[in-house]
Every structure is written in structure tokens, then in C-alpha cells.
Amino acid sequence: MLRHHLPFAVPGQTIGLFGGSFDPPHGGHVHVSREALKRFGLDRVWWLVSPGNPLKARGPAPLAKRLAAARALVRHPRIEVTDVEAQIGTRYTAATLARLRALYPGVRFVWLMGADNLTQFHHWQDWDQIMCNVPVGVLARPGDRISARTSVAAQRFRSAKIPASAAPLLGRLDAPAWCFLNVPMVDLSSSAIRARGDWG
């Protein structure tokens, strides 16, 4: 895949990667991205709008529809909506990260996720490889804090957890390193929006 189709980054930058189906994207995604930029000291956040979620039996809405909705929603100069996984032909996060690290030498990546994803992170393919290859920033969402803190991933990598006060350093640390942040919450979810019938 030609490099010029991918987002621009230069060596020395720290890029937060926020992956998901975004089916549909909503204000909560933007809120988490803005908090991550501020709290983790990131230069940019890239939304990785996935072709499909391997953990979900039913496929999401068409990629073009989700990309268009996300780009219409995001109005922040340092948050970029991308279809990186479709461009580079990966479906699993571990493979995506390995490819991006090869494509962007000298760029530091931080994987971003909500606390709900940390709870079931151990079901992801090569999840421990993800933890060992890039720092991970976890942002708390309503109802997920206790289960996330006691999750398999949190327990397995408890010695690699850094305090919230050190969050701005996360992108400059060698993996494994992860940080759990409690942030002001926006109680929105894609599944609730779909259930209401607000996403065709």
C-alpha cells in the first residue's frame, strides 16, 4: 500500500491510536479523544475505523458510511479519522500495530481504549503482545471502572501500570506500560444509539 494514502507523522511525534467500529461514531468518542490528547501529552489522535470487529458476530454498517459520519463529527485539528486498517489490510490490532511501527520509524504510538475494552482485552488476538509492544492508555467509562481494574489484563500487567500523575509520560515509556485514567464522562454508547434506531 502506498505510504501517501496513510496519515502523516514525523519521527519524534507521539500518536494515540483509537480503534473501533465507530458504529456509529458519537460525542463520547470525541470526548475520550480530547481527554487523551490532553492527559497523555499526545501530538495527535488517529481514529482507526475498522473494516469489521472480529469479536462481533454481526458486521457493522458499511465502512464508507462510518468514515463519513466520523469525519462529519470530528472538528478538532489534532484528531484525524482514518481507514488505516483497510489501507494496510489488517483486521487485528496486534497486526495493525506491527505494520504501523514498520511504516513509521521513530514515531511513538500509544494504544487508546475505554475501560470496557480492558475488561475483555484478554479475548483479543495476541493481546499480551500488544501490551508488550506499545504503551496503553485506558480511559474510564461509566460502569466499567471496577471490572476493568480487576480484569485479566490489569492483573497480568499490574507491575507495568503507572500512576495517573505520570500520564503525560506514557508515550515516552518503553512497553509494557499502561495508565488508567478517570476522566469526566459522557454516557453515550454506539450500541444504545443503534438500539434506539437512530443509526439506519
N, C-alpha and C. Protein backbone atom coordinates (compact mmCIF):
# COMPACT_ATOMS: atom_id res chain seq x y z
N MET A 1 0.85 -1.19 0.00
CA MET A 1 0.00 0.00 0.00
C MET A 1 0.89 1.24 0.00
N LEU A 2 0.55 2.20 -0.82
CA LEU A 2 1.37 3.39 -0.93
C LEU A 2 1.29 4.23 0.33
N ARG A 3 2.45 4.69 0.78
CA ARG A 3 2.54 5.42 2.03
C ARG A 3 1.71 6.72 2.02
N HIS A 4 1.59 7.37 0.83
CA HIS A 4 0.91 8.67 0.82
C HIS A 4 -0.60 8.56 1.06
N HIS A 5 -1.14 7.34 1.05
CA HIS A 5 -2.55 7.16 1.38
C HIS A 5 -2.78 7.13 2.89
N LEU A 6 -1.72 7.05 3.66
CA LEU A 6 -1.81 6.93 5.11
C LEU A 6 -1.62 8.28 5.78
N PRO A 7 -2.02 8.40 7.05
CA PRO A 7 -1.87 9.68 7.76
C PRO A 7 -0.40 10.09 7.84
N PHE A 8 -0.18 11.39 7.96
CA PHE A 8 1.17 11.93 8.02
C PHE A 8 1.64 12.00 9.47
N ALA A 9 2.88 11.57 9.70
CA ALA A 9 3.51 11.70 11.01
C ALA A 9 5.01 11.74 10.79
N VAL A 10 5.72 12.40 11.69
CA VAL A 10 7.18 12.52 11.57
C VAL A 10 7.83 11.91 12.80
N PRO A 11 9.07 11.42 12.65
CA PRO A 11 9.79 10.86 13.80
C PRO A 11 9.81 11.83 14.98
N GLY A 12 9.62 11.28 16.16
CA GLY A 12 9.60 12.08 17.37
C GLY A 12 8.20 12.40 17.85
N GLN A 13 7.19 12.27 16.96
CA GLN A 13 5.82 12.52 17.39
C GLN A 13 5.28 11.34 18.20
N THR A 14 4.31 11.64 19.05
CA THR A 14 3.59 10.61 19.79
C THR A 14 2.14 10.63 19.33
N ILE A 15 1.70 9.50 18.77
CA ILE A 15 0.38 9.40 18.16
C ILE A 15 -0.46 8.42 18.98
N GLY A 16 -1.63 8.88 19.41
CA GLY A 16 -2.59 7.98 20.05
C GLY A 16 -3.43 7.30 18.99
N LEU A 17 -3.60 6.00 19.12
CA LEU A 17 -4.39 5.21 18.18
C LEU A 17 -5.67 4.77 18.88
N PHE A 18 -6.79 5.19 18.35
CA PHE A 18 -8.09 4.90 18.94
C PHE A 18 -8.87 4.08 17.94
N GLY A 19 -8.89 2.76 18.13
CA GLY A 19 -9.50 1.87 17.17
C GLY A 19 -10.91 1.46 17.58
N GLY A 20 -11.70 1.11 16.59
CA GLY A 20 -13.04 0.62 16.88
C GLY A 20 -13.92 0.60 15.65
N SER A 21 -15.12 0.09 15.84
CA SER A 21 -16.08 0.04 14.73
C SER A 21 -16.68 1.41 14.45
N PHE A 22 -16.83 2.23 15.50
CA PHE A 22 -17.48 3.55 15.35
C PHE A 22 -18.81 3.37 14.60
N ASP A 23 -19.66 2.52 15.17
CA ASP A 23 -20.89 2.09 14.51
C ASP A 23 -22.12 2.39 15.38
N PRO A 24 -22.51 3.67 15.50
CA PRO A 24 -21.96 4.86 14.85
C PRO A 24 -20.97 5.60 15.74
N PRO A 25 -20.22 6.55 15.17
CA PRO A 25 -19.41 7.45 15.99
C PRO A 25 -20.32 8.41 16.75
N HIS A 26 -19.86 8.87 17.91
CA HIS A 26 -20.70 9.79 18.71
C HIS A 26 -19.81 10.71 19.55
N GLY A 27 -20.45 11.61 20.26
CA GLY A 27 -19.72 12.60 21.04
C GLY A 27 -18.83 12.02 22.11
N GLY A 28 -19.18 10.84 22.61
CA GLY A 28 -18.32 10.19 23.60
C GLY A 28 -16.96 9.84 23.04
N HIS A 29 -16.91 9.41 21.78
CA HIS A 29 -15.62 9.12 21.13
C HIS A 29 -14.77 10.37 21.03
N VAL A 30 -15.39 11.49 20.68
CA VAL A 30 -14.66 12.75 20.57
C VAL A 30 -14.16 13.18 21.95
N HIS A 31 -15.00 13.04 22.96
CA HIS A 31 -14.63 13.43 24.32
C HIS A 31 -13.41 12.63 24.80
N VAL A 32 -13.44 11.32 24.61
CA VAL A 32 -12.32 10.47 25.03
C VAL A 32 -11.04 10.86 24.28
N SER A 33 -11.18 11.16 23.01
CA SER A 33 -10.02 11.55 22.20
C SER A 33 -9.40 12.85 22.69
N ARG A 34 -10.24 13.82 23.01
CA ARG A 34 -9.75 15.10 23.51
C ARG A 34 -9.08 14.94 24.86
N GLU A 35 -9.67 14.12 25.72
CA GLU A 35 -9.06 13.86 27.03
C GLU A 35 -7.71 13.17 26.87
N ALA A 36 -7.63 12.22 25.94
CA ALA A 36 -6.37 11.51 25.71
C ALA A 36 -5.29 12.46 25.21
N LEU A 37 -5.64 13.34 24.27
CA LEU A 37 -4.68 14.33 23.78
C LEU A 37 -4.10 15.13 24.93
N LYS A 38 -4.98 15.59 25.80
CA LYS A 38 -4.58 16.47 26.89
C LYS A 38 -3.85 15.72 28.00
N ARG A 39 -4.39 14.60 28.41
CA ARG A 39 -3.88 13.93 29.61
C ARG A 39 -2.64 13.08 29.34
N PHE A 40 -2.53 12.52 28.13
CA PHE A 40 -1.37 11.68 27.81
C PHE A 40 -0.29 12.43 27.04
N GLY A 41 -0.48 13.72 26.81
CA GLY A 41 0.54 14.51 26.14
C GLY A 41 0.79 14.08 24.70
N LEU A 42 -0.27 13.73 23.98
CA LEU A 42 -0.14 13.24 22.61
C LEU A 42 -0.06 14.40 21.61
N ASP A 43 0.63 14.15 20.50
CA ASP A 43 0.65 15.14 19.42
C ASP A 43 -0.61 15.07 18.58
N ARG A 44 -1.08 13.85 18.35
CA ARG A 44 -2.30 13.66 17.56
C ARG A 44 -2.99 12.38 18.03
N VAL A 45 -4.27 12.26 17.69
CA VAL A 45 -5.01 11.01 17.84
C VAL A 45 -5.53 10.61 16.47
N TRP A 46 -5.27 9.37 16.10
CA TRP A 46 -5.84 8.82 14.86
C TRP A 46 -6.96 7.86 15.23
N TRP A 47 -8.15 8.10 14.70
CA TRP A 47 -9.21 7.10 14.80
C TRP A 47 -8.95 6.04 13.75
N LEU A 48 -8.88 4.80 14.15
CA LEU A 48 -8.73 3.69 13.21
C LEU A 48 -10.11 3.04 13.06
N VAL A 49 -10.86 3.50 12.08
CA VAL A 49 -12.21 2.98 11.85
C VAL A 49 -12.05 1.62 11.16
N SER A 50 -12.41 0.56 11.89
CA SER A 50 -12.09 -0.79 11.43
C SER A 50 -13.03 -1.28 10.34
N PRO A 51 -12.52 -2.10 9.44
CA PRO A 51 -13.39 -2.73 8.44
C PRO A 51 -14.47 -3.58 9.11
N GLY A 52 -14.14 -4.21 10.24
CA GLY A 52 -15.08 -5.05 10.99
C GLY A 52 -14.45 -5.48 12.29
N ASN A 53 -15.28 -5.78 13.27
CA ASN A 53 -14.78 -6.21 14.58
C ASN A 53 -14.80 -7.74 14.64
N PRO A 54 -13.62 -8.39 14.71
CA PRO A 54 -13.59 -9.86 14.72
C PRO A 54 -14.31 -10.47 15.92
N LEU A 55 -14.53 -9.70 16.99
CA LEU A 55 -15.19 -10.24 18.17
C LEU A 55 -16.72 -10.15 18.09
N LYS A 56 -17.24 -9.51 17.05
CA LYS A 56 -18.69 -9.35 16.92
C LYS A 56 -19.21 -10.20 15.77
N ALA A 57 -20.28 -10.96 16.04
CA ALA A 57 -20.83 -11.87 15.02
C ALA A 57 -21.43 -11.10 13.85
N ARG A 58 -22.12 -10.01 14.13
CA ARG A 58 -22.74 -9.22 13.06
C ARG A 58 -21.81 -8.11 12.63
N GLY A 59 -21.71 -7.92 11.32
CA GLY A 59 -20.85 -6.88 10.80
C GLY A 59 -21.43 -5.49 11.05
N PRO A 60 -20.56 -4.48 11.06
CA PRO A 60 -21.03 -3.11 11.25
C PRO A 60 -21.61 -2.54 9.96
N ALA A 61 -22.07 -1.30 10.05
CA ALA A 61 -22.51 -0.58 8.86
C ALA A 61 -21.33 -0.46 7.88
N PRO A 62 -21.60 -0.20 6.61
CA PRO A 62 -20.50 -0.10 5.63
C PRO A 62 -19.43 0.90 6.07
N LEU A 63 -18.19 0.57 5.78
CA LEU A 63 -17.06 1.40 6.20
C LEU A 63 -17.20 2.83 5.70
N ALA A 64 -17.61 3.02 4.47
CA ALA A 64 -17.73 4.37 3.91
C ALA A 64 -18.73 5.21 4.71
N LYS A 65 -19.81 4.59 5.15
CA LYS A 65 -20.82 5.31 5.94
C LYS A 65 -20.24 5.72 7.29
N ARG A 66 -19.52 4.80 7.94
CA ARG A 66 -18.96 5.10 9.26
C ARG A 66 -17.86 6.16 9.17
N LEU A 67 -17.04 6.08 8.12
CA LEU A 67 -15.99 7.10 7.92
C LEU A 67 -16.61 8.48 7.71
N ALA A 68 -17.63 8.54 6.85
CA ALA A 68 -18.27 9.83 6.56
C ALA A 68 -18.89 10.43 7.82
N ALA A 69 -19.54 9.59 8.62
CA ALA A 69 -20.16 10.07 9.85
C ALA A 69 -19.11 10.55 10.84
N ALA A 70 -18.00 9.82 10.93
CA ALA A 70 -16.93 10.20 11.85
C ALA A 70 -16.28 11.52 11.42
N ARG A 71 -16.05 11.67 10.13
CA ARG A 71 -15.41 12.90 9.65
C ARG A 71 -16.34 14.10 9.81
N ALA A 72 -17.64 13.87 9.71
CA ALA A 72 -18.60 14.96 9.92
C ALA A 72 -18.65 15.37 11.39
N LEU A 73 -18.36 14.43 12.27
CA LEU A 73 -18.45 14.67 13.72
C LEU A 73 -17.20 15.34 14.28
N VAL A 74 -16.03 14.94 13.78
CA VAL A 74 -14.77 15.41 14.37
C VAL A 74 -14.43 16.79 13.82
N ARG A 75 -14.24 17.74 14.74
CA ARG A 75 -13.89 19.11 14.36
C ARG A 75 -12.69 19.58 15.17
N HIS A 76 -11.73 18.68 15.38
CA HIS A 76 -10.54 19.01 16.16
C HIS A 76 -9.32 18.87 15.26
N PRO A 77 -8.43 19.86 15.24
CA PRO A 77 -7.32 19.83 14.29
C PRO A 77 -6.30 18.72 14.54
N ARG A 78 -6.31 18.13 15.74
CA ARG A 78 -5.33 17.09 16.04
C ARG A 78 -5.96 15.71 16.18
N ILE A 79 -7.21 15.58 15.78
CA ILE A 79 -7.86 14.27 15.72
C ILE A 79 -8.15 13.96 14.26
N GLU A 80 -7.62 12.86 13.78
CA GLU A 80 -7.76 12.50 12.36
C GLU A 80 -8.49 11.18 12.23
N VAL A 81 -9.51 11.16 11.40
CA VAL A 81 -10.28 9.94 11.13
C VAL A 81 -9.63 9.22 9.97
N THR A 82 -9.30 7.93 10.17
CA THR A 82 -8.59 7.18 9.12
C THR A 82 -9.24 5.81 8.88
N ASP A 83 -8.89 5.26 7.72
CA ASP A 83 -9.25 3.87 7.42
C ASP A 83 -7.96 3.05 7.27
N VAL A 84 -7.04 3.26 8.21
CA VAL A 84 -5.71 2.66 8.14
C VAL A 84 -5.78 1.15 7.95
N GLU A 85 -6.65 0.47 8.71
CA GLU A 85 -6.67 -1.00 8.62
C GLU A 85 -7.12 -1.47 7.24
N ALA A 86 -8.06 -0.76 6.64
CA ALA A 86 -8.45 -1.11 5.27
C ALA A 86 -7.31 -0.85 4.30
N GLN A 87 -6.56 0.23 4.53
CA GLN A 87 -5.44 0.57 3.64
C GLN A 87 -4.33 -0.46 3.70
N ILE A 88 -4.01 -0.91 4.91
CA ILE A 88 -2.85 -1.82 5.05
C ILE A 88 -3.25 -3.28 5.11
N GLY A 89 -4.56 -3.55 5.12
CA GLY A 89 -5.04 -4.92 5.02
C GLY A 89 -4.95 -5.74 6.29
N THR A 90 -5.13 -5.08 7.45
CA THR A 90 -5.11 -5.83 8.71
C THR A 90 -6.48 -5.78 9.36
N ARG A 91 -6.78 -6.81 10.18
CA ARG A 91 -8.06 -6.85 10.91
C ARG A 91 -7.85 -6.90 12.41
N TYR A 92 -6.68 -7.34 12.82
CA TYR A 92 -6.42 -7.49 14.25
C TYR A 92 -5.44 -6.42 14.72
N THR A 93 -5.68 -5.92 15.93
CA THR A 93 -4.90 -4.80 16.45
C THR A 93 -3.41 -5.10 16.49
N ALA A 94 -3.03 -6.28 16.92
CA ALA A 94 -1.61 -6.60 17.02
C ALA A 94 -0.93 -6.47 15.66
N ALA A 95 -1.58 -6.97 14.61
CA ALA A 95 -1.01 -6.88 13.26
C ALA A 95 -0.97 -5.43 12.78
N THR A 96 -2.02 -4.67 13.10
CA THR A 96 -2.05 -3.26 12.72
C THR A 96 -0.89 -2.50 13.35
N LEU A 97 -0.68 -2.73 14.64
CA LEU A 97 0.40 -2.04 15.34
C LEU A 97 1.78 -2.41 14.78
N ALA A 98 1.98 -3.68 14.50
CA ALA A 98 3.26 -4.11 13.94
C ALA A 98 3.52 -3.43 12.60
N ARG A 99 2.48 -3.33 11.77
CA ARG A 99 2.64 -2.71 10.45
C ARG A 99 2.89 -1.21 10.58
N LEU A 100 2.17 -0.54 11.47
CA LEU A 100 2.36 0.90 11.63
C LEU A 100 3.75 1.22 12.17
N ARG A 101 4.24 0.41 13.08
CA ARG A 101 5.58 0.66 13.63
C ARG A 101 6.64 0.49 12.54
N ALA A 102 6.39 -0.42 11.60
CA ALA A 102 7.32 -0.59 10.48
C ALA A 102 7.22 0.58 9.49
N LEU A 103 6.00 1.09 9.28
CA LEU A 103 5.78 2.17 8.31
C LEU A 103 6.24 3.53 8.83
N TYR A 104 6.26 3.69 10.15
CA TYR A 104 6.56 4.99 10.76
C TYR A 104 7.72 4.87 11.75
N PRO A 105 8.92 4.59 11.27
CA PRO A 105 10.06 4.50 12.20
C PRO A 105 10.28 5.83 12.92
N GLY A 106 10.51 5.74 14.22
CA GLY A 106 10.76 6.94 15.00
C GLY A 106 9.52 7.61 15.56
N VAL A 107 8.34 7.14 15.13
CA VAL A 107 7.08 7.65 15.69
C VAL A 107 6.69 6.76 16.87
N ARG A 108 6.29 7.40 17.96
CA ARG A 108 5.85 6.65 19.13
C ARG A 108 4.33 6.52 19.09
N PHE A 109 3.84 5.31 19.28
CA PHE A 109 2.40 5.06 19.29
C PHE A 109 1.93 4.68 20.68
N VAL A 110 0.72 5.14 21.02
CA VAL A 110 0.05 4.76 22.25
C VAL A 110 -1.32 4.21 21.87
N TRP A 111 -1.64 3.00 22.32
CA TRP A 111 -2.94 2.43 22.05
C TRP A 111 -3.93 2.96 23.09
N LEU A 112 -5.06 3.49 22.62
CA LEU A 112 -6.07 4.06 23.50
C LEU A 112 -7.30 3.16 23.52
N MET A 113 -7.86 2.99 24.70
CA MET A 113 -9.09 2.20 24.80
C MET A 113 -9.91 2.67 26.00
N GLY A 114 -11.21 2.42 25.91
CA GLY A 114 -12.07 2.64 27.06
C GLY A 114 -11.90 1.51 28.05
N ALA A 115 -12.30 1.76 29.29
CA ALA A 115 -12.17 0.75 30.33
C ALA A 115 -12.99 -0.50 29.99
N ASP A 116 -14.07 -0.35 29.23
CA ASP A 116 -14.87 -1.51 28.84
C ASP A 116 -14.05 -2.48 28.00
N ASN A 117 -13.15 -1.96 27.17
CA ASN A 117 -12.31 -2.83 26.36
C ASN A 117 -11.23 -3.52 27.19
N LEU A 118 -10.73 -2.85 28.22
CA LEU A 118 -9.74 -3.50 29.08
C LEU A 118 -10.34 -4.72 29.76
N THR A 119 -11.62 -4.66 30.09
CA THR A 119 -12.29 -5.77 30.77
C THR A 119 -12.23 -7.05 29.94
N GLN A 120 -12.36 -6.93 28.62
CA GLN A 120 -12.35 -8.13 27.77
C GLN A 120 -11.13 -8.18 26.84
N PHE A 121 -10.11 -7.43 27.21
CA PHE A 121 -8.91 -7.33 26.37
C PHE A 121 -8.24 -8.68 26.16
N HIS A 122 -8.31 -9.56 27.17
CA HIS A 122 -7.63 -10.86 27.06
C HIS A 122 -8.27 -11.78 26.02
N HIS A 123 -9.41 -11.38 25.45
CA HIS A 123 -10.02 -12.14 24.36
C HIS A 123 -9.49 -11.69 22.99
N TRP A 124 -8.76 -10.58 22.95
CA TRP A 124 -8.21 -10.10 21.68
C TRP A 124 -7.06 -11.00 21.24
N GLN A 125 -6.91 -11.12 19.92
CA GLN A 125 -5.79 -11.91 19.41
C GLN A 125 -4.47 -11.24 19.78
N ASP A 126 -3.55 -12.03 20.36
CA ASP A 126 -2.20 -11.56 20.72
C ASP A 126 -2.25 -10.32 21.62
N TRP A 127 -3.21 -10.30 22.55
CA TRP A 127 -3.38 -9.11 23.40
C TRP A 127 -2.14 -8.81 24.23
N ASP A 128 -1.48 -9.87 24.72
CA ASP A 128 -0.29 -9.62 25.55
C ASP A 128 0.86 -9.06 24.71
N GLN A 129 0.87 -9.41 23.41
CA GLN A 129 1.87 -8.84 22.50
C GLN A 129 1.62 -7.34 22.32
N ILE A 130 0.35 -6.96 22.26
CA ILE A 130 0.02 -5.53 22.17
C ILE A 130 0.58 -4.80 23.39
N MET A 131 0.32 -5.33 24.58
CA MET A 131 0.79 -4.70 25.81
C MET A 131 2.31 -4.59 25.85
N CYS A 132 2.98 -5.57 25.29
CA CYS A 132 4.45 -5.59 25.33
C CYS A 132 5.09 -4.74 24.24
N ASN A 133 4.31 -4.31 23.26
CA ASN A 133 4.89 -3.57 22.14
C ASN A 133 4.61 -2.07 22.14
N VAL A 134 3.49 -1.64 22.72
CA VAL A 134 3.18 -0.21 22.77
C VAL A 134 2.58 0.13 24.13
N PRO A 135 2.83 1.34 24.63
CA PRO A 135 2.12 1.78 25.83
C PRO A 135 0.62 1.84 25.57
N VAL A 136 -0.16 1.65 26.62
CA VAL A 136 -1.61 1.60 26.51
C VAL A 136 -2.23 2.62 27.47
N GLY A 137 -3.10 3.46 26.95
CA GLY A 137 -3.83 4.42 27.77
C GLY A 137 -5.28 4.00 27.88
N VAL A 138 -5.76 3.83 29.12
CA VAL A 138 -7.12 3.37 29.37
C VAL A 138 -7.91 4.51 30.00
N LEU A 139 -9.06 4.83 29.41
CA LEU A 139 -9.90 5.91 29.91
C LEU A 139 -11.21 5.33 30.42
N ALA A 140 -11.54 5.67 31.67
CA ALA A 140 -12.70 5.08 32.32
C ALA A 140 -13.99 5.56 31.69
N ARG A 141 -14.95 4.63 31.56
CA ARG A 141 -16.29 4.94 31.10
C ARG A 141 -17.28 4.55 32.20
N PRO A 142 -18.50 5.07 32.15
CA PRO A 142 -19.47 4.75 33.19
C PRO A 142 -19.67 3.24 33.36
N GLY A 143 -19.59 2.77 34.60
CA GLY A 143 -19.90 1.38 34.91
C GLY A 143 -18.81 0.38 34.67
N ASP A 144 -17.66 0.81 34.16
CA ASP A 144 -16.62 -0.14 33.79
C ASP A 144 -15.39 -0.08 34.68
N ARG A 145 -15.37 0.77 35.68
CA ARG A 145 -14.12 1.01 36.39
C ARG A 145 -13.66 -0.18 37.22
N ILE A 146 -14.56 -0.75 38.03
CA ILE A 146 -14.15 -1.84 38.92
C ILE A 146 -13.78 -3.08 38.12
N SER A 147 -14.63 -3.47 37.15
CA SER A 147 -14.35 -4.67 36.37
C SER A 147 -13.07 -4.51 35.56
N ALA A 148 -12.78 -3.30 35.09
CA ALA A 148 -11.54 -3.08 34.34
C ALA A 148 -10.32 -3.24 35.23
N ARG A 149 -10.38 -2.69 36.43
CA ARG A 149 -9.23 -2.76 37.34
C ARG A 149 -8.93 -4.18 37.79
N THR A 150 -9.94 -5.06 37.76
CA THR A 150 -9.73 -6.44 38.19
C THR A 150 -9.66 -7.40 37.01
N SER A 151 -9.55 -6.88 35.80
CA SER A 151 -9.54 -7.72 34.60
C SER A 151 -8.27 -8.56 34.50
N VAL A 152 -8.32 -9.55 33.64
CA VAL A 152 -7.16 -10.42 33.40
C VAL A 152 -5.95 -9.58 32.97
N ALA A 153 -6.15 -8.65 32.05
CA ALA A 153 -5.03 -7.84 31.55
C ALA A 153 -4.46 -6.96 32.66
N ALA A 154 -5.35 -6.34 33.45
CA ALA A 154 -4.87 -5.47 34.53
C ALA A 154 -4.06 -6.27 35.55
N GLN A 155 -4.50 -7.48 35.83
CA GLN A 155 -3.78 -8.29 36.80
C GLN A 155 -2.46 -8.80 36.24
N ARG A 156 -2.47 -9.25 35.00
CA ARG A 156 -1.26 -9.80 34.38
C ARG A 156 -0.17 -8.72 34.29
N PHE A 157 -0.56 -7.49 33.99
CA PHE A 157 0.42 -6.43 33.78
C PHE A 157 0.37 -5.38 34.90
N ARG A 158 0.01 -5.79 36.09
CA ARG A 158 -0.11 -4.81 37.19
C ARG A 158 1.21 -4.13 37.50
N SER A 159 2.33 -4.82 37.29
CA SER A 159 3.63 -4.19 37.59
C SER A 159 4.01 -3.13 36.55
N ALA A 160 3.32 -3.13 35.40
CA ALA A 160 3.63 -2.15 34.35
C ALA A 160 2.71 -0.94 34.40
N LYS A 161 1.80 -0.90 35.37
CA LYS A 161 0.87 0.22 35.48
C LYS A 161 1.57 1.43 36.09
N ILE A 162 1.36 2.60 35.48
CA ILE A 162 1.93 3.82 36.02
C ILE A 162 0.81 4.66 36.64
N PRO A 163 1.13 5.50 37.62
CA PRO A 163 0.08 6.30 38.25
C PRO A 163 -0.48 7.37 37.31
N ALA A 164 -1.69 7.80 37.58
CA ALA A 164 -2.33 8.83 36.75
C ALA A 164 -1.50 10.10 36.70
N SER A 165 -0.77 10.39 37.77
CA SER A 165 0.05 11.60 37.81
C SER A 165 1.17 11.57 36.78
N ALA A 166 1.54 10.36 36.32
CA ALA A 166 2.60 10.21 35.33
C ALA A 166 2.06 10.05 33.92
N ALA A 167 0.75 10.24 33.73
CA ALA A 167 0.12 10.03 32.43
C ALA A 167 0.80 10.78 31.28
N PRO A 168 1.25 12.03 31.47
CA PRO A 168 1.88 12.74 30.34
C PRO A 168 3.16 12.08 29.84
N LEU A 169 3.72 11.18 30.61
CA LEU A 169 4.96 10.50 30.23
C LEU A 169 4.70 9.21 29.45
N LEU A 170 3.45 8.77 29.39
CA LEU A 170 3.16 7.42 28.90
C LEU A 170 3.77 7.15 27.53
N GLY A 171 3.63 8.07 26.59
CA GLY A 171 4.11 7.83 25.23
C GLY A 171 5.61 7.74 25.11
N ARG A 172 6.33 8.18 26.12
CA ARG A 172 7.79 8.13 26.08
C ARG A 172 8.38 6.94 26.83
N LEU A 173 7.51 6.12 27.40
CA LEU A 173 7.96 4.96 28.15
C LEU A 173 8.08 3.75 27.25
N ASP A 174 8.98 2.85 27.62
CA ASP A 174 9.07 1.57 26.92
C ASP A 174 7.94 0.66 27.38
N ALA A 175 7.36 -0.06 26.45
CA ALA A 175 6.34 -1.04 26.80
C ALA A 175 7.00 -2.27 27.45
N PRO A 176 6.26 -2.96 28.34
CA PRO A 176 4.88 -2.68 28.73
C PRO A 176 4.77 -1.52 29.71
N ALA A 177 3.82 -0.65 29.44
CA ALA A 177 3.47 0.45 30.33
C ALA A 177 2.03 0.82 30.03
N TRP A 178 1.23 0.98 31.07
CA TRP A 178 -0.15 1.39 30.84
C TRP A 178 -0.62 2.27 31.98
N CYS A 179 -1.63 3.08 31.67
CA CYS A 179 -2.13 4.05 32.63
C CYS A 179 -3.65 4.06 32.57
N PHE A 180 -4.29 4.05 33.74
CA PHE A 180 -5.74 4.07 33.86
C PHE A 180 -6.15 5.44 34.36
N LEU A 181 -6.97 6.14 33.59
CA LEU A 181 -7.40 7.49 33.97
C LEU A 181 -8.90 7.54 34.18
N ASN A 182 -9.29 8.16 35.28
CA ASN A 182 -10.69 8.53 35.47
C ASN A 182 -10.86 9.92 34.87
N VAL A 183 -11.76 10.05 33.93
CA VAL A 183 -11.97 11.34 33.27
C VAL A 183 -13.46 11.69 33.35
N PRO A 184 -13.79 12.96 33.20
CA PRO A 184 -15.21 13.33 33.14
C PRO A 184 -15.90 12.54 32.03
N MET A 185 -17.03 11.96 32.34
CA MET A 185 -17.65 11.01 31.44
C MET A 185 -18.77 11.61 30.60
N VAL A 186 -18.90 11.09 29.40
CA VAL A 186 -20.07 11.32 28.56
C VAL A 186 -20.71 9.96 28.36
N ASP A 187 -21.89 9.77 28.93
CA ASP A 187 -22.51 8.44 28.95
C ASP A 187 -23.28 8.19 27.66
N LEU A 188 -22.51 7.95 26.58
CA LEU A 188 -23.07 7.60 25.28
C LEU A 188 -22.47 6.28 24.84
N SER A 189 -23.20 5.49 24.10
CA SER A 189 -22.64 4.27 23.54
C SER A 189 -23.23 4.01 22.17
N SER A 190 -22.42 3.41 21.30
CA SER A 190 -22.89 3.11 19.94
C SER A 190 -24.03 2.11 19.98
N SER A 191 -23.94 1.12 20.89
CA SER A 191 -24.99 0.10 20.95
C SER A 191 -26.33 0.72 21.36
N ALA A 192 -26.30 1.68 22.29
CA ALA A 192 -27.55 2.34 22.70
C ALA A 192 -28.14 3.16 21.56
N ILE A 193 -27.27 3.82 20.80
CA ILE A 193 -27.75 4.61 19.65
C ILE A 193 -28.39 3.69 18.61
N ARG A 194 -27.75 2.54 18.34
CA ARG A 194 -28.34 1.59 17.39
C ARG A 194 -29.67 1.06 17.90
N ALA A 195 -29.73 0.76 19.20
CA ALA A 195 -30.97 0.22 19.79
C ALA A 195 -32.13 1.19 19.68
N ARG A 196 -31.84 2.48 19.74
CA ARG A 196 -32.89 3.50 19.60
C ARG A 196 -33.35 3.65 18.15
N GLY A 197 -32.61 3.08 17.22
CA GLY A 197 -32.96 3.21 15.81
C GLY A 197 -32.47 4.51 15.20
N ASP A 198 -31.51 5.16 15.87
CA ASP A 198 -31.00 6.44 15.37
C ASP A 198 -29.86 6.29 14.36
N TRP A 199 -29.51 5.07 14.03
CA TRP A 199 -28.42 4.82 13.09
C TRP A 199 -28.93 3.80 12.10
N GLY A 200 -29.26 4.24 10.91
CA GLY A 200 -30.08 3.48 9.97
C GLY A 200 -29.63 2.09 9.71
